[in-house]
């Protein structure tokens, strides 16, 4: 059964749109989803339905500025002027707390894709205790601190003249503009997303996947990544938390596997005991929408099952 509901955002203004997929029988575990930048939670329907049929309760919200978690079109790609990143993370935690009340006695997992993977990496530094496992896919490679600081400064300068709702094509190009360059001749603006032409065409045609991030959202995203990459922040992750890191070998967001492997090694060096790395040969950014997605679904399911039984 698939249902929708809303809950109040930490921004004090917005109602956060949420979808839950409930299995018919007993719930064996919970998986909470955190979607990526410029998309929305209903794009995970096929994967959520697959897990739901295996007895998993799957739930996820549209982050602030995405999907149906907006009050008007001007809010697409906008978090919150002062506390944007904290509001998005706070909404994830609110949903976890609400879900725990429904299912207090089953294993609780979280999965984050792309921007959602960076949010989940921050989340487990703050609230990792009590989780049965974390899955980060479509992983965003760590950036140089100087680059992130420059991005923050640039956002502040642009906002001083244009306001925090302004959509800067320059900043957008700096953040994601290079991703398509490795796929020449590119058929669409987003060939880097998936090699599945049908899924790609649907993505490109979707207005909820086509807006430009505001300087506000970029500022808070850059700031969150700066905090996340600090060595002391990495050491806040519970050492016994099982973590699965998965990405496509042809994903420019993860620096074609190199940046993904660095994060894996960083977690191992921090003393996290159970870290698994999977790189899918030939896959691009959206593993759950790739041509081999059925295999990816099965692999993620088997990892979850192994953590339930361990």
Protein backbone atom coordinates (compact mmCIF):
# COMPACT_ATOMS: atom_id res chain seq x y z
CA UNK A 1 0.00 0.00 0.00
CA UNK A 2 1.27 3.44 -0.95
CA UNK A 3 0.17 6.54 0.97
CA UNK A 4 1.08 10.22 1.18
CA UNK A 5 1.16 12.48 4.23
CA UNK A 6 2.66 15.79 5.34
CA UNK A 7 4.45 16.98 8.47
CA UNK A 8 5.67 20.46 9.54
CA UNK A 9 9.18 21.37 8.38
CA UNK A 10 11.85 22.70 10.72
CA UNK A 11 11.69 25.92 8.65
CA UNK A 12 8.47 26.82 10.48
CA UNK A 13 6.57 27.49 7.24
CA UNK A 14 6.46 24.47 4.96
CA UNK A 15 4.54 21.21 5.08
CA UNK A 16 6.91 18.39 4.08
CA UNK A 17 5.45 15.95 1.56
CA UNK A 18 6.11 12.30 2.40
CA UNK A 19 5.36 8.94 0.77
CA UNK A 20 5.20 5.60 2.59
CA UNK A 21 5.13 2.15 1.02
CA UNK A 22 3.62 -0.40 3.44
CA UNK A 23 3.93 -4.17 2.93
CA UNK A 24 0.80 -6.30 3.20
CA UNK A 25 2.12 -8.56 5.94
CA UNK A 26 4.53 -8.14 8.83
CA UNK A 27 7.14 -5.37 8.59
CA UNK A 28 10.63 -6.89 8.85
CA UNK A 29 12.56 -3.59 8.67
CA UNK A 30 12.30 0.11 7.77
CA UNK A 31 14.21 1.90 5.00
CA UNK A 32 14.07 5.71 4.97
CA UNK A 33 15.05 7.37 1.67
CA UNK A 34 16.81 10.69 1.10
CA UNK A 35 16.54 11.84 -2.53
CA UNK A 36 19.00 13.86 -4.60
CA UNK A 37 19.23 17.43 -5.84
CA UNK A 38 16.49 18.66 -8.21
CA UNK A 39 14.33 15.52 -8.01
CA UNK A 40 11.68 14.13 -5.64
CA UNK A 41 10.78 11.06 -3.62
CA UNK A 42 8.19 9.52 -5.97
CA UNK A 43 11.00 8.81 -8.47
CA UNK A 44 11.97 5.96 -6.08
CA UNK A 45 8.62 4.20 -6.54
CA UNK A 46 9.95 1.20 -8.50
CA UNK A 47 12.72 0.47 -5.97
CA UNK A 48 10.46 1.12 -2.97
CA UNK A 49 7.80 -1.21 -4.38
CA UNK A 50 10.42 -3.94 -4.87
CA UNK A 51 11.51 -3.72 -1.22
CA UNK A 52 7.93 -3.38 -0.02
CA UNK A 53 7.15 -6.74 -1.62
CA UNK A 54 10.02 -8.23 0.44
CA UNK A 55 8.44 -7.04 3.70
CA UNK A 56 10.13 -3.65 4.08
CA UNK A 57 8.33 -0.47 5.12
CA UNK A 58 9.85 2.24 2.90
CA UNK A 59 9.37 5.94 3.56
CA UNK A 60 10.85 9.19 2.28
CA UNK A 61 10.11 12.89 2.05
CA UNK A 62 10.53 15.57 -0.57
CA UNK A 63 13.28 17.81 0.83
CA UNK A 64 12.62 21.52 1.21
CA UNK A 65 12.49 23.19 -2.21
CA UNK A 66 11.67 19.91 -4.00
CA UNK A 67 8.65 17.97 -5.23
CA UNK A 68 5.53 18.85 -3.25
CA UNK A 69 7.44 20.35 -0.29
CA UNK A 70 7.06 23.87 -1.64
CA UNK A 71 4.54 26.66 -1.05
CA UNK A 72 4.99 28.20 -4.51
CA UNK A 73 7.07 27.80 -7.67
CA UNK A 74 9.52 30.46 -6.39
CA UNK A 75 10.50 28.02 -3.61
CA UNK A 76 11.87 25.34 -5.93
CA UNK A 77 15.56 24.92 -5.13
CA UNK A 78 15.31 27.06 -1.97
CA UNK A 79 15.92 25.72 1.55
CA UNK A 80 15.75 28.38 4.26
CA UNK A 81 17.64 31.66 4.29
CA UNK A 82 19.44 31.23 7.62
CA UNK A 83 19.23 27.58 8.62
CA UNK A 84 18.76 25.78 5.28
CA UNK A 85 20.97 22.75 5.76
CA UNK A 86 19.92 22.30 9.39
CA UNK A 87 16.24 22.42 8.35
CA UNK A 88 16.71 19.71 5.71
CA UNK A 89 18.59 17.45 8.15
CA UNK A 90 16.03 18.25 10.85
CA UNK A 91 13.19 17.16 8.57
CA UNK A 92 14.97 13.85 7.93
CA UNK A 93 15.25 13.35 11.70
CA UNK A 94 11.61 14.30 12.29
CA UNK A 95 10.54 11.65 9.79
CA UNK A 96 12.74 9.05 11.48
CA UNK A 97 11.25 9.88 14.88
CA UNK A 98 7.68 9.67 13.49
CA UNK A 99 8.46 6.35 11.80
CA UNK A 100 10.08 4.90 14.93
CA UNK A 101 6.82 5.46 16.79
CA UNK A 102 5.04 3.33 14.17
CA UNK A 103 7.69 0.58 14.06
CA UNK A 104 9.79 0.75 17.25
CA UNK A 105 10.97 -2.85 17.30
CA UNK A 106 12.35 -3.52 13.80
CA UNK A 107 15.76 -2.68 12.26
CA UNK A 108 15.94 0.87 10.86
CA UNK A 109 18.02 1.66 7.76
CA UNK A 110 18.54 4.83 5.76
CA UNK A 111 19.53 5.32 2.11
CA UNK A 112 20.69 8.55 0.47
CA UNK A 113 21.33 9.24 -3.22
CA UNK A 114 23.54 12.06 -4.60
CA UNK A 115 22.82 15.21 -2.57
CA UNK A 116 20.83 12.85 -0.37
CA UNK A 117 23.98 10.76 0.12
CA UNK A 118 25.83 13.86 1.37
CA UNK A 119 22.90 14.66 3.66
CA UNK A 120 22.95 11.08 4.98
CA UNK A 121 26.70 11.27 5.56
CA UNK A 122 26.07 14.39 7.65
CA UNK A 123 23.09 12.76 9.35
CA UNK A 124 25.01 9.72 10.59
CA UNK A 125 27.64 12.05 12.07
CA UNK A 126 24.88 13.63 14.17
CA UNK A 127 22.26 10.89 14.65
CA UNK A 128 23.94 7.63 13.63
CA UNK A 129 23.29 5.85 16.93
CA UNK A 130 20.39 3.41 16.75
CA UNK A 131 20.54 2.89 12.99
CA UNK A 132 20.98 -0.67 11.72
CA UNK A 133 22.79 0.50 8.59
CA UNK A 134 23.31 3.32 6.09
CA UNK A 135 23.46 3.07 2.28
CA UNK A 136 25.04 5.91 0.31
CA UNK A 137 24.64 5.70 -3.48
CA UNK A 138 25.40 8.06 -6.34
CA UNK A 139 28.05 9.33 -3.96
CA UNK A 140 29.28 12.93 -4.25
CA UNK A 141 33.09 13.00 -4.20
CA UNK A 142 34.61 15.24 -1.53
CA UNK A 143 35.64 18.63 -2.86
CA UNK A 144 38.67 20.76 -1.99
CA UNK A 145 37.91 22.94 1.02
CA UNK A 146 39.11 26.02 -0.85
CA UNK A 147 36.63 25.29 -3.66
CA UNK A 148 33.72 24.95 -1.24
CA UNK A 149 34.70 28.13 0.63
CA UNK A 150 34.94 30.00 -2.69
CA UNK A 151 31.49 28.70 -3.64
CA UNK A 152 30.04 29.96 -0.34
CA UNK A 153 31.60 33.40 -0.80
CA UNK A 154 30.29 33.60 -4.35
CA UNK A 155 26.77 32.72 -3.20
CA UNK A 156 26.90 35.44 -0.53
CA UNK A 157 28.10 38.05 -3.04
CA UNK A 158 25.40 37.16 -5.59
CA UNK A 159 22.72 37.13 -2.87
CA UNK A 160 23.79 40.59 -1.67
CA UNK A 161 22.89 41.98 -5.10
CA UNK A 162 20.16 39.62 -6.32
CA UNK A 163 18.66 38.08 -3.18
CA UNK A 164 18.79 34.50 -1.86
CA UNK A 165 16.11 33.25 -4.27
CA UNK A 166 18.24 34.15 -7.30
CA UNK A 167 19.20 31.32 -9.65
CA UNK A 168 22.75 31.83 -10.88
CA UNK A 169 23.58 29.97 -14.08
CA UNK A 170 27.25 30.61 -13.36
CA UNK A 171 27.17 28.94 -9.92
CA UNK A 172 25.00 26.14 -11.30
CA UNK A 173 27.51 25.60 -14.11
CA UNK A 174 30.39 25.62 -11.62
CA UNK A 175 28.66 22.98 -9.47
CA UNK A 176 27.27 20.55 -12.07
CA UNK A 177 28.08 21.97 -15.50
CA UNK A 178 31.07 19.73 -16.15
CA UNK A 179 29.27 16.43 -15.60
CA UNK A 180 28.03 16.04 -19.18
CA UNK A 181 31.42 16.77 -20.77
CA UNK A 182 32.53 13.15 -20.52
CA UNK A 183 29.60 11.94 -22.63
CA UNK A 184 30.22 13.62 -25.99
CA UNK A 185 28.40 13.79 -28.24
CA UNK A 186 25.71 14.21 -25.59
CA UNK A 187 22.15 13.46 -26.68
CA UNK A 188 20.61 15.46 -23.80
CA UNK A 189 21.64 17.95 -21.11
CA UNK A 190 21.91 15.07 -18.62
CA UNK A 191 23.52 12.06 -20.30
CA UNK A 192 25.60 11.67 -17.11
CA UNK A 193 22.49 10.69 -15.13
CA UNK A 194 21.84 7.24 -16.65
CA UNK A 195 22.64 5.17 -19.72
CA UNK A 196 18.99 3.97 -19.85
CA UNK A 197 17.57 6.14 -22.65
CA UNK A 198 13.94 5.73 -21.56
CA UNK A 199 14.68 6.75 -17.96
CA UNK A 200 16.90 9.60 -19.19
CA UNK A 201 14.21 11.02 -21.48
CA UNK A 202 11.67 10.93 -18.64
CA UNK A 203 14.15 12.74 -16.36
CA UNK A 204 14.93 15.47 -18.91
CA UNK A 205 11.22 16.03 -19.66
CA UNK A 206 10.22 16.24 -15.98
CA UNK A 207 9.71 19.85 -14.84
CA UNK A 208 10.40 18.79 -11.23
CA UNK A 209 13.88 17.70 -12.38
CA UNK A 210 14.55 20.77 -14.52
CA UNK A 211 14.78 23.83 -12.26
CA UNK A 212 18.00 25.61 -11.23
CA UNK A 213 19.05 25.66 -7.57
CA UNK A 214 18.89 29.03 -5.83
CA UNK A 215 22.06 30.59 -4.40
CA UNK A 216 20.55 29.87 -0.98
CA UNK A 217 20.43 26.10 -1.54
CA UNK A 218 23.92 26.07 -3.05
CA UNK A 219 25.29 28.08 -0.12
CA UNK A 220 23.85 25.65 2.42
CA UNK A 221 24.88 22.60 0.40
CA UNK A 222 28.48 23.85 0.17
CA UNK A 223 28.49 24.67 3.88
CA UNK A 224 27.14 21.25 4.82
CA UNK A 225 29.81 19.54 2.74
CA UNK A 226 32.53 21.63 4.40
CA UNK A 227 31.37 20.51 7.84
CA UNK A 228 30.91 16.89 6.72
CA UNK A 229 34.46 16.59 5.37
CA UNK A 230 36.16 17.63 8.62
CA UNK A 231 38.16 14.77 10.10
CA UNK A 232 36.56 15.28 13.50
CA UNK A 233 33.10 15.05 11.89
CA UNK A 234 33.93 11.72 10.23
CA UNK A 235 35.06 10.40 13.60
CA UNK A 236 31.58 11.14 15.02
CA UNK A 237 30.09 8.27 12.96
CA UNK A 238 29.38 5.27 15.24
CA UNK A 239 32.15 2.72 14.72
CA UNK A 240 29.71 -0.20 14.65
CA UNK A 241 27.34 1.30 12.06
CA UNK A 242 27.30 -0.86 8.90
CA UNK A 243 27.74 1.33 5.80
CA UNK A 244 27.33 0.38 2.14
CA UNK A 245 28.85 2.77 -0.42
CA UNK A 246 27.76 2.17 -4.02
CA UNK A 247 28.28 4.09 -7.26
CA UNK A 248 28.70 3.72 -10.99
CA UNK A 249 32.21 3.52 -12.43
CA UNK A 250 31.15 6.10 -15.07
CA UNK A 251 29.59 8.55 -12.62
CA UNK A 252 31.31 11.96 -12.82
CA UNK A 253 29.70 13.02 -9.51
CA UNK A 254 31.88 10.46 -7.73
CA UNK A 255 34.89 11.26 -9.94
CA UNK A 256 34.43 7.98 -11.83
CA UNK A 257 34.90 5.87 -8.72
CA UNK A 258 38.06 7.57 -7.45
CA UNK A 259 36.26 9.93 -5.09
CA UNK A 260 33.97 7.12 -3.93
CA UNK A 261 36.93 4.91 -3.06
CA UNK A 262 38.54 7.79 -1.11
CA UNK A 263 35.45 8.08 1.10
CA UNK A 264 35.46 4.31 1.66
CA UNK A 265 39.13 4.46 2.70
CA UNK A 266 38.46 7.49 4.89
CA UNK A 267 35.73 5.61 6.76
CA UNK A 268 37.93 2.57 7.21
CA UNK A 269 40.75 4.77 8.54
CA UNK A 270 38.29 6.34 11.01
CA UNK A 271 37.78 2.89 12.56
CA UNK A 272 34.32 2.14 11.18
CA UNK A 273 34.30 -1.64 11.31
CA UNK A 274 31.78 -2.62 8.62
CA UNK A 275 32.15 -0.63 5.40
CA UNK A 276 31.38 -2.16 1.99
CA UNK A 277 32.26 -0.60 -1.39
CA UNK A 278 30.51 -1.52 -4.66
CA UNK A 279 31.34 0.05 -8.01
CA UNK A 280 29.06 -0.93 -10.89
CA UNK A 281 30.97 -1.14 -14.16
CA UNK A 282 29.58 1.13 -16.88
CA UNK A 283 26.87 2.65 -14.69
CA UNK A 284 26.42 6.40 -14.41
CA UNK A 285 24.89 8.50 -11.64
CA UNK A 286 21.46 7.04 -10.86
CA UNK A 287 22.08 3.40 -9.96
CA UNK A 288 18.38 2.86 -9.23
CA UNK A 289 17.51 3.97 -12.79
CA UNK A 290 20.32 2.24 -14.68
CA UNK A 291 19.98 -0.55 -17.24
CA UNK A 292 21.15 -3.07 -14.60
CA UNK A 293 18.91 -1.67 -11.85
CA UNK A 294 17.29 -5.04 -11.12
CA UNK A 295 20.74 -6.34 -10.12
CA UNK A 296 21.35 -3.21 -8.03
CA UNK A 297 17.97 -3.70 -6.29
CA UNK A 298 18.89 -7.31 -5.52
CA UNK A 299 22.35 -6.40 -4.21
CA UNK A 300 20.96 -3.69 -1.91
CA UNK A 301 18.26 -6.09 -0.69
CA UNK A 302 20.81 -8.82 0.07
CA UNK A 303 22.99 -6.33 1.98
CA UNK A 304 19.99 -5.22 4.05
CA UNK A 305 19.04 -8.85 4.74
CA UNK A 306 22.60 -9.64 5.87
CA UNK A 307 22.48 -6.80 8.42
CA UNK A 308 19.08 -7.90 9.73
CA UNK A 309 20.32 -11.44 10.33
CA UNK A 310 23.74 -10.49 11.74
